[in-house]
Amino acid sequence: MSNNQAAPGQEIYVTSSTIAHTRSRMDEELLPAMTDIHGFQPLTAVDGLGFGVIGGLAIAPAYEEFRRWLDTTFSDAEEAVRSCSATLDRCRRNWRAAEEASIVRYRG
């Protein structure tokens, strides 16, 4: 995602289309990237004596706890992105309704 910022003194306007674009980028870029990274988590398992006998006693429990935390954190983050996407869709619809309501119509 790009970091487009307004120049000093430049005004920024929110529109229903910019809200839709933000949602689209979240759905098409952010969520798939997070899901891909989360998919690597099972590959981080260290089986058997991967840490050695002493390391298995000292390191393995903390490592497994970290792996569980990582799995939960990524699951929560993916759900947060999905929830945010749904909320942005509601915002877009509401914003669009406000845009439509603010259009001045002249009778001829």
C-alpha atoms as a PDB file:
ATOM      1  CA  MET A   1       0.000   0.000   0.000  1.00  0.00           C
ATOM      2  CA  SER A   2       1.245   3.422  -0.855  1.00  0.00           C
ATOM      3  CA  ASN A   3       1.595   6.228   1.622  1.00  0.00           C
ATOM      4  CA  ASN A   4      -0.041   9.101  -0.264  1.00  0.00           C
ATOM      5  CA  GLN A   5      -0.147  12.184   1.897  1.00  0.00           C
ATOM      6  CA  ALA A   6      -1.503  15.599   1.087  1.00  0.00           C
ATOM      7  CA  ALA A   7       0.931  18.406   0.519  1.00  0.00           C
ATOM      8  CA  PRO A   8       0.903  21.063   3.224  1.00  0.00           C
ATOM      9  CA  GLY A   9      -2.183  23.209   2.773  1.00  0.00           C
ATOM     10  CA  GLN A  10      -3.827  20.687   0.442  1.00  0.00           C
ATOM     11  CA  GLU A  11      -7.292  19.523   1.405  1.00  0.00           C
ATOM     12  CA  ILE A  12      -8.222  15.828   1.370  1.00  0.00           C
ATOM     13  CA  TYR A  13     -11.737  14.691   0.537  1.00  0.00           C
ATOM     14  CA  VAL A  14     -13.277  11.366   1.432  1.00  0.00           C
ATOM     15  CA  THR A  15     -15.634   9.894  -1.129  1.00  0.00           C
ATOM     16  CA  SER A  16     -17.559   6.659  -1.387  1.00  0.00           C
ATOM     17  CA  SER A  17     -15.198   5.594  -4.170  1.00  0.00           C
ATOM     18  CA  THR A  18     -12.085   6.117  -1.999  1.00  0.00           C
ATOM     19  CA  ILE A  19     -13.715   4.079   0.766  1.00  0.00           C
ATOM     20  CA  ALA A  20     -14.495   1.334  -1.791  1.00  0.00           C
ATOM     21  CA  HIS A  21     -10.912   1.485  -3.093  1.00  0.00           C
ATOM     22  CA  THR A  22      -9.510   1.119   0.429  1.00  0.00           C
ATOM     23  CA  ARG A  23     -11.765  -1.871   1.070  1.00  0.00           C
ATOM     24  CA  SER A  24     -10.765  -3.428  -2.233  1.00  0.00           C
ATOM     25  CA  ARG A  25      -7.061  -3.121  -1.398  1.00  0.00           C
ATOM     26  CA  MET A  26      -7.646  -4.691   2.011  1.00  0.00           C
ATOM     27  CA  ASP A  27      -9.527  -7.607   0.424  1.00  0.00           C
ATOM     28  CA  GLU A  28      -7.175  -8.096  -2.520  1.00  0.00           C
ATOM     29  CA  GLU A  29      -3.779  -7.286  -0.988  1.00  0.00           C
ATOM     30  CA  LEU A  30      -3.707  -7.201   2.800  1.00  0.00           C
ATOM     31  CA  LEU A  31      -5.849 -10.232   3.647  1.00  0.00           C
ATOM     32  CA  PRO A  32      -4.197 -12.599   1.126  1.00  0.00           C
ATOM     33  CA  ALA A  33      -0.728 -11.518   2.302  1.00  0.00           C
ATOM     34  CA  MET A  34      -1.657 -12.135   5.937  1.00  0.00           C
ATOM     35  CA  THR A  35      -3.224 -15.487   5.062  1.00  0.00           C
ATOM     36  CA  ASP A  36      -0.105 -16.518   3.143  1.00  0.00           C
ATOM     37  CA  ILE A  37       2.181 -15.609   6.030  1.00  0.00           C
ATOM     38  CA  HIS A  38      -0.116 -17.370   8.507  1.00  0.00           C
ATOM     39  CA  GLY A  39       0.063 -20.429   6.258  1.00  0.00           C
ATOM     40  CA  PHE A  40       3.782 -20.730   6.975  1.00  0.00           C
ATOM     41  CA  GLN A  41       3.174 -21.146  10.713  1.00  0.00           C
ATOM     42  CA  PRO A  42       2.756 -24.958  10.562  1.00  0.00           C
ATOM     43  CA  LEU A  43       6.132 -25.164   8.821  1.00  0.00           C
ATOM     44  CA  THR A  44       7.852 -23.723  11.901  1.00  0.00           C
ATOM     45  CA  ALA A  45       7.339 -26.859  13.989  1.00  0.00           C
ATOM     46  CA  VAL A  46      10.491 -28.379  15.433  1.00  0.00           C
ATOM     47  CA  ASP A  47       9.928 -32.089  15.953  1.00  0.00           C
ATOM     48  CA  GLY A  48      11.810 -34.694  17.894  1.00  0.00           C
ATOM     49  CA  LEU A  49      15.199 -33.644  19.141  1.00  0.00           C
ATOM     50  CA  GLY A  50      15.399 -30.591  16.892  1.00  0.00           C
ATOM     51  CA  PHE A  51      16.549 -28.491  19.851  1.00  0.00           C
ATOM     52  CA  GLY A  52      18.671 -31.309  21.272  1.00  0.00           C
ATOM     53  CA  VAL A  53      18.073 -32.962  24.618  1.00  0.00           C
ATOM     54  CA  ILE A  54      18.877 -29.924  26.776  1.00  0.00           C
ATOM     55  CA  GLY A  55      17.281 -27.481  24.332  1.00  0.00           C
ATOM     56  CA  GLY A  56      14.171 -29.663  24.265  1.00  0.00           C
ATOM     57  CA  LEU A  57      13.787 -29.097  27.989  1.00  0.00           C
ATOM     58  CA  ALA A  58      14.734 -25.427  28.069  1.00  0.00           C
ATOM     59  CA  ILE A  59      13.690 -23.976  24.717  1.00  0.00           C
ATOM     60  CA  ALA A  60      10.977 -26.190  23.221  1.00  0.00           C
ATOM     61  CA  PRO A  61       8.161 -25.247  25.654  1.00  0.00           C
ATOM     62  CA  ALA A  62       8.724 -21.491  25.149  1.00  0.00           C
ATOM     63  CA  TYR A  63       9.021 -21.990  21.390  1.00  0.00           C
ATOM     64  CA  GLU A  64       5.748 -23.938  21.241  1.00  0.00           C
ATOM     65  CA  GLU A  65       4.043 -21.273  23.347  1.00  0.00           C
ATOM     66  CA  PHE A  66       5.257 -18.647  20.872  1.00  0.00           C
ATOM     67  CA  ARG A  67       3.959 -20.711  17.944  1.00  0.00           C
ATOM     68  CA  ARG A  68       0.507 -20.945  19.595  1.00  0.00           C
ATOM     69  CA  TRP A  69       0.557 -17.181  20.233  1.00  0.00           C
ATOM     70  CA  LEU A  70       1.548 -16.558  16.622  1.00  0.00           C
ATOM     71  CA  ASP A  71      -1.274 -18.751  15.321  1.00  0.00           C
ATOM     72  CA  THR A  72      -3.852 -17.021  17.532  1.00  0.00           C
ATOM     73  CA  THR A  73      -2.531 -13.553  16.683  1.00  0.00           C
ATOM     74  CA  PHE A  74      -2.671 -14.152  12.942  1.00  0.00           C
ATOM     75  CA  SER A  75      -6.154 -15.671  13.216  1.00  0.00           C
ATOM     76  CA  ASP A  76      -7.323 -12.625  15.174  1.00  0.00           C
ATOM     77  CA  ALA A  77      -5.660 -10.255  12.695  1.00  0.00           C
ATOM     78  CA  GLU A  78      -7.290 -11.969   9.716  1.00  0.00           C
ATOM     79  CA  GLU A  79     -10.677 -11.724  11.428  1.00  0.00           C
ATOM     80  CA  ALA A  80     -10.043  -8.039  12.188  1.00  0.00           C
ATOM     81  CA  VAL A  81      -9.325  -7.352   8.501  1.00  0.00           C
ATOM     82  CA  ARG A  82     -12.507  -9.191   7.477  1.00  0.00           C
ATOM     83  CA  SER A  83     -14.516  -7.228  10.029  1.00  0.00           C
ATOM     84  CA  CYS A  84     -12.954  -3.943   8.936  1.00  0.00           C
ATOM     85  CA  SER A  85     -13.743  -4.784   5.316  1.00  0.00           C
ATOM     86  CA  ALA A  86     -17.403  -5.379   6.144  1.00  0.00           C
ATOM     87  CA  THR A  87     -17.512  -2.130   8.116  1.00  0.00           C
ATOM     88  CA  LEU A  88     -15.923  -0.224   5.239  1.00  0.00           C
ATOM     89  CA  ASP A  89     -18.615  -1.601   2.948  1.00  0.00           C
ATOM     90  CA  ARG A  90     -21.314  -0.236   5.280  1.00  0.00           C
ATOM     91  CA  CYS A  91     -19.445   3.079   5.432  1.00  0.00           C
ATOM     92  CA  ARG A  92     -19.260   3.227   1.638  1.00  0.00           C
ATOM     93  CA  ARG A  93     -23.001   2.639   1.313  1.00  0.00           C
ATOM     94  CA  ASN A  94     -23.800   5.257   3.953  1.00  0.00           C
ATOM     95  CA  TRP A  95     -21.350   7.747   2.454  1.00  0.00           C
ATOM     96  CA  ARG A  96     -22.804   7.171  -1.007  1.00  0.00           C
ATOM     97  CA  ALA A  97     -26.312   7.788   0.351  1.00  0.00           C
ATOM     98  CA  ALA A  98     -25.063  11.046   1.892  1.00  0.00           C
ATOM     99  CA  GLU A  99     -23.443  12.033  -1.406  1.00  0.00           C
ATOM    100  CA  GLU A 100     -26.705  11.374  -3.241  1.00  0.00           C
ATOM    101  CA  ALA A 101     -28.696  13.317  -0.643  1.00  0.00           C
ATOM    102  CA  SER A 102     -26.404  16.338  -0.945  1.00  0.00           C
ATOM    103  CA  ILE A 103     -26.771  16.675  -4.720  1.00  0.00           C
ATOM    104  CA  VAL A 104     -28.669  19.806  -5.615  1.00  0.00           C
ATOM    105  CA  ARG A 105     -31.430  19.083  -8.102  1.00  0.00           C
ATOM    106  CA  TYR A 106     -33.055  21.845 -10.082  1.00  0.00           C
ATOM    107  CA  ARG A 107     -36.539  21.657 -11.462  1.00  0.00           C
ATOM    108  CA  GLY A 108     -36.893  22.985 -14.942  1.00  0.00           C
END
